[in-house]
C-alpha atoms as a PDB file:
ATOM      1  CA  MET A   1      89.969 118.368-123.848  1.00  0.00           C
ATOM      2  CA  SER A   2      92.889 117.423-122.431  1.00  0.00           C
ATOM      3  CA  LYS A   3      93.358 114.849-119.971  1.00  0.00           C
ATOM      4  CA  GLN A   4      94.411 116.464-116.647  1.00  0.00           C
ATOM      5  CA  GLY A   5      98.389 115.823-115.745  1.00  0.00           C
ATOM      6  CA  VAL A   6      99.374 114.705-119.218  1.00  0.00           C
ATOM      7  CA  ILE A   7     102.806 116.676-119.733  1.00  0.00           C
ATOM      8  CA  PRO A   8     102.318 118.406-123.092  1.00  0.00           C
ATOM      9  CA  ASP A   9     104.883 116.971-126.074  1.00  0.00           C
ATOM     10  CA  SER A  10     104.830 120.331-128.074  1.00  0.00           C
ATOM     11  CA  LYS A  11     104.770 124.245-127.485  1.00  0.00           C
ATOM     12  CA  PRO A  12     101.356 124.821-129.140  1.00  0.00           C
ATOM     13  CA  GLU A  13     100.030 121.736-126.865  1.00  0.00           C
ATOM     14  CA  LEU A  14     101.032 123.609-123.790  1.00  0.00           C
ATOM     15  CA  GLN A  15      99.697 127.035-125.596  1.00  0.00           C
ATOM     16  CA  ARG A  16      96.362 125.157-125.937  1.00  0.00           C
ATOM     17  CA  MET A  17      96.487 123.875-122.440  1.00  0.00           C
ATOM     18  CA  LEU A  18      96.977 127.069-120.992  1.00  0.00           C
ATOM     19  CA  ALA A  19      94.614 129.023-123.054  1.00  0.00           C
ATOM     20  CA  GLU A  20      91.950 126.082-121.903  1.00  0.00           C
ATOM     21  CA  ARG A  21      92.901 126.522-118.054  1.00  0.00           C
ATOM     22  CA  LEU A  22      92.954 130.516-118.513  1.00  0.00           C
ATOM     23  CA  GLY A  23      89.585 130.459-120.701  1.00  0.00           C
ATOM     24  CA  VAL A  24      91.154 132.692-123.538  1.00  0.00           C
ATOM     25  CA  ASN A  25      91.991 131.923-126.917  1.00  0.00           C
ATOM     26  CA  PRO A  26      95.118 130.265-127.723  1.00  0.00           C
ATOM     27  CA  SER A  27      96.449 133.358-129.457  1.00  0.00           C
ATOM     28  CA  GLU A  28      96.517 135.386-126.585  1.00  0.00           C
ATOM     29  CA  VAL A  29      98.939 132.877-125.068  1.00  0.00           C
ATOM     30  CA  ALA A  30     101.973 134.283-126.851  1.00  0.00           C
ATOM     31  CA  ASP A  31     105.675 133.471-126.132  1.00  0.00           C
ATOM     32  CA  ASP A  32     106.581 136.548-123.685  1.00  0.00           C
ATOM     33  CA  VAL A  33     102.777 137.536-122.312  1.00  0.00           C
ATOM     34  CA  ASN A  34     102.664 137.272-118.329  1.00  0.00           C
ATOM     35  CA  LEU A  35     100.367 134.256-117.780  1.00  0.00           C
ATOM     36  CA  GLN A  36      99.706 136.096-114.192  1.00  0.00           C
ATOM     37  CA  ASP A  37      98.277 139.216-116.695  1.00  0.00           C
ATOM     38  CA  LEU A  38      96.000 136.347-118.287  1.00  0.00           C
ATOM     39  CA  GLY A  39      94.703 135.251-114.736  1.00  0.00           C
ATOM     40  CA  MET A  40      97.040 132.501-113.929  1.00  0.00           C
ATOM     41  CA  ASP A  41      97.382 132.291-110.405  1.00  0.00           C
ATOM     42  CA  SER A  42      99.388 130.168-107.905  1.00  0.00           C
ATOM     43  CA  ILE A  43      96.742 127.674-107.751  1.00  0.00           C
ATOM     44  CA  GLY A  44      96.398 127.240-111.241  1.00  0.00           C
ATOM     45  CA  VAL A  45     100.204 126.979-111.532  1.00  0.00           C
ATOM     46  CA  MET A  46     100.135 124.029-108.616  1.00  0.00           C
ATOM     47  CA  GLY A  47      97.184 122.638-110.495  1.00  0.00           C
ATOM     48  CA  MET A  48      98.758 122.135-113.594  1.00  0.00           C
ATOM     49  CA  VAL A  49     102.679 121.578-112.386  1.00  0.00           C
ATOM     50  CA  SER A  50     101.519 118.950-109.834  1.00  0.00           C
ATOM     51  CA  GLY A  51      99.590 116.633-112.499  1.00  0.00           C
ATOM     52  CA  TRP A  52     102.776 117.118-114.773  1.00  0.00           C
ATOM     53  CA  GLN A  53     105.056 115.848-111.732  1.00  0.00           C
ATOM     54  CA  ARG A  54     102.826 113.011-111.142  1.00  0.00           C
ATOM     55  CA  ASN A  55     103.511 112.025-114.552  1.00  0.00           C
ATOM     56  CA  GLY A  56     107.398 112.380-114.381  1.00  0.00           C
ATOM     57  CA  LEU A  57     108.221 116.216-114.886  1.00  0.00           C
ATOM     58  CA  ARG A  58     110.905 116.834-112.436  1.00  0.00           C
ATOM     59  CA  VAL A  59     110.852 120.436-112.251  1.00  0.00           C
ATOM     60  CA  ASP A  60     109.822 122.432-109.298  1.00  0.00           C
ATOM     61  CA  ILE A  61     106.739 124.391-109.037  1.00  0.00           C
ATOM     62  CA  ALA A  62     108.317 127.428-107.897  1.00  0.00           C
ATOM     63  CA  GLU A  63     110.466 127.436-111.287  1.00  0.00           C
ATOM     64  CA  PHE A  64     107.095 127.625-113.225  1.00  0.00           C
ATOM     65  CA  THR A  65     105.927 130.542-110.681  1.00  0.00           C
ATOM     66  CA  ALA A  66     109.094 132.699-111.115  1.00  0.00           C
ATOM     67  CA  ALA A  67     108.919 132.361-114.950  1.00  0.00           C
ATOM     68  CA  PRO A  68     105.157 132.847-115.837  1.00  0.00           C
ATOM     69  CA  SER A  69     105.491 132.905-119.955  1.00  0.00           C
ATOM     70  CA  LEU A  70     104.589 130.129-122.445  1.00  0.00           C
ATOM     71  CA  LYS A  71     108.178 130.386-123.656  1.00  0.00           C
ATOM     72  CA  ALA A  72     109.833 130.003-120.046  1.00  0.00           C
ATOM     73  CA  TRP A  73     107.442 127.074-119.354  1.00  0.00           C
ATOM     74  CA  TRP A  74     108.273 125.293-122.551  1.00  0.00           C
ATOM     75  CA  GLN A  75     111.996 125.672-121.707  1.00  0.00           C
ATOM     76  CA  LEU A  76     111.358 123.891-118.220  1.00  0.00           C
ATOM     77  CA  ILE A  77     109.041 121.354-119.756  1.00  0.00           C
ATOM     78  CA  SER A  78     111.404 120.478-122.661  1.00  0.00           C
ATOM     79  CA  GLY A  79     114.292 120.602-120.633  1.00  0.00           C
END
């Protein structure tokens, strides 16, 4: 299990973290699948992103909420 707040260093790691958070198989978290459709809510987004922000990520939570997909989140994280 991943440490809370650790910024993922690859898209597969982000995929695994999202799947773990959502309680689904990582294969269900495909690039363009809407994370909200898988059960990600605003509390979940805040929980994950605020931990990453505490560890140095400089992206606003609203940007993650506005683009709820693995592909978009990885673009925000990898900058």
